[in-house]
N, C-alpha and C. Protein backbone atom coordinates (compact mmCIF):
# COMPACT_ATOMS: atom_id res chain seq x y z
N GLY A 1 0.80 -1.18 0.00
CA GLY A 1 0.00 0.00 0.00
C GLY A 1 0.85 1.25 0.00
N VAL A 2 0.19 2.36 -0.05
CA VAL A 2 0.87 3.65 -0.11
C VAL A 2 1.37 4.09 1.26
N ASN A 3 0.60 3.86 2.31
CA ASN A 3 0.96 4.39 3.62
C ASN A 3 2.11 3.67 4.29
N GLY A 4 2.35 2.41 3.98
CA GLY A 4 3.45 1.66 4.61
C GLY A 4 4.79 2.35 4.48
N PRO A 5 5.23 2.68 3.25
CA PRO A 5 6.51 3.38 3.11
C PRO A 5 6.51 4.76 3.75
N LEU A 6 5.38 5.47 3.70
CA LEU A 6 5.32 6.81 4.29
C LEU A 6 5.49 6.76 5.80
N GLN A 7 5.00 5.70 6.42
CA GLN A 7 5.12 5.54 7.86
C GLN A 7 6.40 4.82 8.25
N GLY A 8 7.22 4.47 7.26
CA GLY A 8 8.49 3.80 7.53
C GLY A 8 8.33 2.35 7.93
N ARG A 9 7.17 1.73 7.66
CA ARG A 9 6.93 0.34 8.06
C ARG A 9 7.32 -0.65 6.98
N THR A 10 7.38 -0.21 5.74
CA THR A 10 7.71 -1.12 4.64
C THR A 10 8.72 -0.45 3.72
N GLU A 11 9.35 -1.26 2.90
CA GLU A 11 10.31 -0.74 1.94
C GLU A 11 9.59 -0.14 0.74
N VAL A 12 10.24 0.80 0.10
CA VAL A 12 9.72 1.38 -1.12
C VAL A 12 9.99 0.40 -2.25
N LEU A 13 8.98 0.11 -3.03
CA LEU A 13 9.15 -0.78 -4.16
C LEU A 13 9.99 -0.10 -5.24
N ASP A 14 10.85 -0.88 -5.88
CA ASP A 14 11.70 -0.33 -6.94
C ASP A 14 10.86 0.31 -8.04
N LEU A 15 9.73 -0.32 -8.38
CA LEU A 15 8.88 0.21 -9.43
C LEU A 15 8.30 1.56 -9.04
N ASP A 16 7.87 1.72 -7.77
CA ASP A 16 7.36 3.01 -7.30
C ASP A 16 8.43 4.08 -7.43
N SER A 17 9.62 3.74 -7.00
CA SER A 17 10.72 4.70 -7.03
C SER A 17 11.07 5.09 -8.46
N SER A 18 11.13 4.12 -9.35
CA SER A 18 11.49 4.44 -10.74
C SER A 18 10.39 5.26 -11.42
N ARG A 19 9.13 4.98 -11.11
CA ARG A 19 8.04 5.77 -11.70
C ARG A 19 8.06 7.21 -11.21
N ALA A 20 8.42 7.41 -9.94
CA ALA A 20 8.45 8.76 -9.39
C ALA A 20 9.59 9.58 -9.97
N ASN A 21 10.64 8.91 -10.44
CA ASN A 21 11.83 9.63 -10.89
C ASN A 21 12.04 9.63 -12.39
N VAL A 22 11.07 9.12 -13.15
CA VAL A 22 11.14 9.21 -14.61
C VAL A 22 10.81 10.64 -15.00
N ILE A 23 11.54 11.18 -15.94
CA ILE A 23 11.29 12.55 -16.38
C ILE A 23 9.86 12.65 -16.91
N SER A 24 9.15 13.65 -16.41
CA SER A 24 7.76 13.88 -16.78
C SER A 24 7.65 14.16 -18.28
N THR A 25 6.56 13.70 -18.89
CA THR A 25 6.37 13.91 -20.33
C THR A 25 6.18 15.38 -20.67
N ASP A 26 5.70 16.18 -19.71
CA ASP A 26 5.52 17.61 -19.97
C ASP A 26 6.59 18.45 -19.27
N TYR A 27 7.72 17.83 -18.98
CA TYR A 27 8.81 18.50 -18.26
C TYR A 27 9.26 19.77 -18.96
N ASP A 28 9.37 19.74 -20.28
CA ASP A 28 9.86 20.90 -21.04
C ASP A 28 8.84 22.02 -21.12
N THR A 29 7.56 21.70 -21.00
CA THR A 29 6.53 22.72 -21.21
C THR A 29 5.85 23.17 -19.93
N ASP A 30 5.89 22.37 -18.88
CA ASP A 30 5.23 22.72 -17.63
C ASP A 30 6.25 23.25 -16.62
N LEU A 31 6.45 24.56 -16.63
CA LEU A 31 7.45 25.16 -15.75
C LEU A 31 7.02 25.13 -14.28
N GLU A 32 5.74 24.93 -14.02
CA GLU A 32 5.23 24.87 -12.66
C GLU A 32 5.23 23.45 -12.10
N SER A 33 5.69 22.50 -12.87
CA SER A 33 5.68 21.10 -12.46
C SER A 33 6.48 20.89 -11.18
N ALA A 34 5.88 20.17 -10.23
CA ALA A 34 6.59 19.86 -8.99
C ALA A 34 7.82 19.01 -9.26
N TRP A 35 7.76 18.21 -10.29
CA TRP A 35 8.86 17.30 -10.61
C TRP A 35 10.18 18.04 -10.76
N SER A 36 10.14 19.23 -11.35
CA SER A 36 11.38 19.96 -11.63
C SER A 36 11.80 20.90 -10.50
N ASN A 37 11.01 21.02 -9.45
CA ASN A 37 11.34 21.90 -8.33
C ASN A 37 12.17 21.13 -7.31
N LEU A 38 13.48 21.18 -7.45
CA LEU A 38 14.36 20.40 -6.58
C LEU A 38 14.29 20.83 -5.12
N ASN A 39 13.83 22.06 -4.85
CA ASN A 39 13.69 22.51 -3.46
C ASN A 39 12.66 21.68 -2.70
N LEU A 40 11.68 21.12 -3.42
CA LEU A 40 10.68 20.25 -2.78
C LEU A 40 11.29 18.94 -2.31
N PHE A 41 12.38 18.53 -2.95
CA PHE A 41 12.91 17.19 -2.72
C PHE A 41 14.28 17.19 -2.04
N SER A 42 14.88 18.36 -1.87
CA SER A 42 16.19 18.40 -1.22
C SER A 42 16.02 18.22 0.28
N ASP A 43 17.12 17.95 0.94
CA ASP A 43 17.13 17.83 2.40
C ASP A 43 18.07 18.91 2.90
N GLY A 44 17.52 20.09 3.15
CA GLY A 44 18.37 21.23 3.50
C GLY A 44 19.20 21.61 2.29
N ASN A 45 20.52 21.52 2.44
CA ASN A 45 21.43 21.83 1.33
C ASN A 45 21.86 20.58 0.57
N ASP A 46 21.26 19.45 0.89
CA ASP A 46 21.63 18.19 0.23
C ASP A 46 20.80 18.02 -1.04
N PHE A 47 21.43 18.30 -2.16
CA PHE A 47 20.79 18.17 -3.46
C PHE A 47 21.34 16.96 -4.22
N SER A 48 21.84 15.97 -3.48
CA SER A 48 22.41 14.79 -4.13
C SER A 48 21.32 14.02 -4.87
N THR A 49 21.72 13.28 -5.88
CA THR A 49 20.78 12.50 -6.68
C THR A 49 20.01 11.52 -5.81
N ALA A 50 20.70 10.85 -4.88
CA ALA A 50 20.03 9.87 -4.02
C ALA A 50 18.96 10.53 -3.16
N THR A 51 19.27 11.69 -2.59
CA THR A 51 18.31 12.40 -1.74
C THR A 51 17.12 12.88 -2.56
N ILE A 52 17.40 13.47 -3.72
CA ILE A 52 16.32 13.96 -4.59
C ILE A 52 15.41 12.82 -4.99
N GLU A 53 15.98 11.69 -5.42
CA GLU A 53 15.16 10.55 -5.85
C GLU A 53 14.33 9.99 -4.70
N LYS A 54 14.95 9.85 -3.53
CA LYS A 54 14.22 9.32 -2.37
C LYS A 54 13.07 10.24 -1.98
N ASN A 55 13.35 11.54 -1.88
CA ASN A 55 12.33 12.48 -1.44
C ASN A 55 11.28 12.74 -2.52
N ARG A 56 11.65 12.63 -3.78
CA ARG A 56 10.67 12.76 -4.86
C ARG A 56 9.67 11.61 -4.79
N ASN A 57 10.17 10.41 -4.53
CA ASN A 57 9.30 9.24 -4.39
C ASN A 57 8.34 9.43 -3.21
N ILE A 58 8.87 9.89 -2.07
CA ILE A 58 8.03 10.14 -0.89
C ILE A 58 6.98 11.20 -1.21
N TYR A 59 7.38 12.25 -1.91
CA TYR A 59 6.45 13.32 -2.27
C TYR A 59 5.27 12.78 -3.08
N TYR A 60 5.58 11.98 -4.11
CA TYR A 60 4.51 11.46 -4.95
C TYR A 60 3.67 10.41 -4.23
N GLN A 61 4.26 9.67 -3.30
CA GLN A 61 3.47 8.73 -2.51
C GLN A 61 2.52 9.49 -1.59
N LYS A 62 2.98 10.60 -1.02
CA LYS A 62 2.09 11.42 -0.19
C LYS A 62 0.96 12.01 -1.02
N GLN A 63 1.29 12.45 -2.24
CA GLN A 63 0.25 12.98 -3.13
C GLN A 63 -0.81 11.92 -3.39
N LEU A 64 -0.36 10.70 -3.68
CA LEU A 64 -1.29 9.60 -3.95
C LEU A 64 -2.10 9.25 -2.70
N ALA A 65 -1.45 9.22 -1.54
CA ALA A 65 -2.16 8.92 -0.29
C ALA A 65 -3.23 9.97 -0.02
N ASN A 66 -2.92 11.24 -0.25
CA ASN A 66 -3.91 12.30 -0.06
C ASN A 66 -5.07 12.18 -1.04
N GLN A 67 -4.76 11.82 -2.28
CA GLN A 67 -5.81 11.63 -3.29
C GLN A 67 -6.72 10.47 -2.90
N ILE A 68 -6.14 9.36 -2.48
CA ILE A 68 -6.93 8.20 -2.06
C ILE A 68 -7.77 8.56 -0.85
N ASN A 69 -7.19 9.25 0.12
CA ASN A 69 -7.92 9.65 1.32
C ASN A 69 -9.11 10.54 0.96
N SER A 70 -8.91 11.47 0.06
CA SER A 70 -9.98 12.36 -0.37
C SER A 70 -11.10 11.58 -1.06
N GLN A 71 -10.73 10.65 -1.93
CA GLN A 71 -11.73 9.85 -2.63
C GLN A 71 -12.50 8.95 -1.67
N VAL A 72 -11.82 8.35 -0.71
CA VAL A 72 -12.49 7.48 0.27
C VAL A 72 -13.44 8.31 1.14
N THR A 73 -13.00 9.48 1.57
CA THR A 73 -13.86 10.35 2.38
C THR A 73 -15.12 10.74 1.61
N GLU A 74 -14.95 11.08 0.33
CA GLU A 74 -16.10 11.43 -0.50
C GLU A 74 -17.04 10.23 -0.67
N MET A 75 -16.47 9.05 -0.89
CA MET A 75 -17.28 7.85 -1.07
C MET A 75 -18.05 7.52 0.21
N ILE A 76 -17.41 7.62 1.36
CA ILE A 76 -18.08 7.35 2.64
C ILE A 76 -19.22 8.35 2.84
N SER A 77 -18.98 9.60 2.51
CA SER A 77 -20.02 10.62 2.65
C SER A 77 -21.22 10.31 1.76
N LEU A 78 -20.95 9.93 0.51
CA LEU A 78 -22.05 9.60 -0.41
C LEU A 78 -22.81 8.36 0.04
N LEU A 79 -22.09 7.35 0.49
CA LEU A 79 -22.74 6.13 0.98
C LEU A 79 -23.59 6.41 2.22
N THR A 80 -23.04 7.20 3.13
CA THR A 80 -23.77 7.54 4.35
C THR A 80 -25.05 8.30 4.01
N SER A 81 -24.95 9.27 3.12
CA SER A 81 -26.13 10.03 2.71
C SER A 81 -27.17 9.13 2.06
N SER A 82 -26.72 8.24 1.19
CA SER A 82 -27.64 7.33 0.50
C SER A 82 -28.33 6.40 1.48
N LEU A 83 -27.58 5.85 2.42
CA LEU A 83 -28.18 4.93 3.39
C LEU A 83 -29.12 5.64 4.35
N ASN A 84 -28.78 6.86 4.74
CA ASN A 84 -29.63 7.60 5.67
C ASN A 84 -30.99 7.92 5.07
N ILE A 85 -31.06 8.06 3.77
CA ILE A 85 -32.34 8.33 3.10
C ILE A 85 -33.33 7.20 3.36
N HIS A 86 -32.83 5.99 3.48
CA HIS A 86 -33.69 4.81 3.61
C HIS A 86 -33.95 4.39 5.06
N LEU A 87 -33.42 5.15 6.01
CA LEU A 87 -33.64 4.80 7.42
C LEU A 87 -34.70 5.71 8.02
N ASN A 88 -35.67 5.10 8.70
CA ASN A 88 -36.65 5.87 9.46
C ASN A 88 -36.09 6.14 10.85
N ILE A 89 -36.69 7.08 11.56
CA ILE A 89 -36.25 7.40 12.92
C ILE A 89 -36.34 6.15 13.78
N GLY A 90 -35.27 5.88 14.48
CA GLY A 90 -35.20 4.70 15.35
C GLY A 90 -34.61 3.48 14.67
N GLN A 91 -34.43 3.52 13.37
CA GLN A 91 -33.84 2.39 12.67
C GLN A 91 -32.32 2.54 12.60
N SER A 92 -31.67 1.41 12.45
CA SER A 92 -30.22 1.44 12.29
C SER A 92 -29.81 0.47 11.20
N SER A 93 -28.64 0.69 10.69
CA SER A 93 -28.08 -0.18 9.67
C SER A 93 -26.65 -0.51 10.09
N LEU A 94 -26.30 -1.78 10.00
CA LEU A 94 -24.97 -2.22 10.42
C LEU A 94 -24.35 -3.05 9.31
N MET A 95 -23.14 -2.68 8.92
CA MET A 95 -22.37 -3.46 7.95
C MET A 95 -21.04 -3.78 8.60
N ASN A 96 -20.74 -5.05 8.72
CA ASN A 96 -19.50 -5.47 9.36
C ASN A 96 -18.83 -6.51 8.47
N THR A 97 -17.71 -6.13 7.90
CA THR A 97 -16.93 -7.05 7.07
C THR A 97 -15.51 -7.08 7.61
N SER A 98 -14.70 -7.94 7.06
CA SER A 98 -13.30 -7.99 7.49
C SER A 98 -12.55 -6.73 7.10
N GLN A 99 -13.07 -5.97 6.13
CA GLN A 99 -12.40 -4.77 5.66
C GLN A 99 -12.91 -3.49 6.32
N SER A 100 -14.16 -3.50 6.76
CA SER A 100 -14.72 -2.26 7.30
C SER A 100 -15.87 -2.55 8.26
N PHE A 101 -16.19 -1.53 9.06
CA PHE A 101 -17.32 -1.58 9.97
C PHE A 101 -18.05 -0.25 9.84
N VAL A 102 -19.34 -0.32 9.52
CA VAL A 102 -20.15 0.88 9.38
C VAL A 102 -21.44 0.68 10.16
N SER A 103 -21.74 1.64 11.02
CA SER A 103 -22.97 1.60 11.78
C SER A 103 -23.66 2.96 11.65
N LEU A 104 -24.89 2.95 11.18
CA LEU A 104 -25.67 4.18 11.03
C LEU A 104 -26.96 4.03 11.81
N GLU A 105 -27.35 5.09 12.47
CA GLU A 105 -28.61 5.07 13.21
C GLU A 105 -29.25 6.44 13.08
N THR A 106 -30.54 6.45 12.82
CA THR A 106 -31.28 7.70 12.74
C THR A 106 -32.06 7.87 14.03
N ILE A 107 -31.83 9.00 14.70
CA ILE A 107 -32.53 9.26 15.97
C ILE A 107 -33.17 10.64 15.90
N SER A 108 -34.15 10.84 16.77
CA SER A 108 -34.80 12.15 16.82
C SER A 108 -34.01 13.06 17.76
N ILE A 109 -34.20 14.34 17.59
CA ILE A 109 -33.50 15.31 18.44
C ILE A 109 -33.94 15.14 19.89
N LYS A 110 -35.19 14.77 20.11
CA LYS A 110 -35.70 14.59 21.47
C LYS A 110 -34.95 13.50 22.22
N SER A 111 -34.47 12.49 21.51
CA SER A 111 -33.80 11.38 22.19
C SER A 111 -32.36 11.72 22.59
N LEU A 112 -31.87 12.86 22.16
CA LEU A 112 -30.53 13.29 22.56
C LEU A 112 -30.59 13.80 23.96
């Protein structure tokens, strides 16, 4: 997964690292590209190739993790809204799988 290397729990896959460090196809035309901004990937004054490649890979993994997190949050919100439409006051819905646990309950304000 994406978060393992970011949390230092797993090794970075060679394929992930090589994909992060391949010259972007729009490198010559996109002057705002993060890929070409070495200040994003340096470690203080360390602009060595190894440091740039390592930190560039981490940068793109964080970007991917943030994108996945945003998409999952949006999906959970849409699912919750959809399920709540079908629940009457006092009803609940429970989904428990090995991957996730979701519990929804509709209550009245008076019961708070």
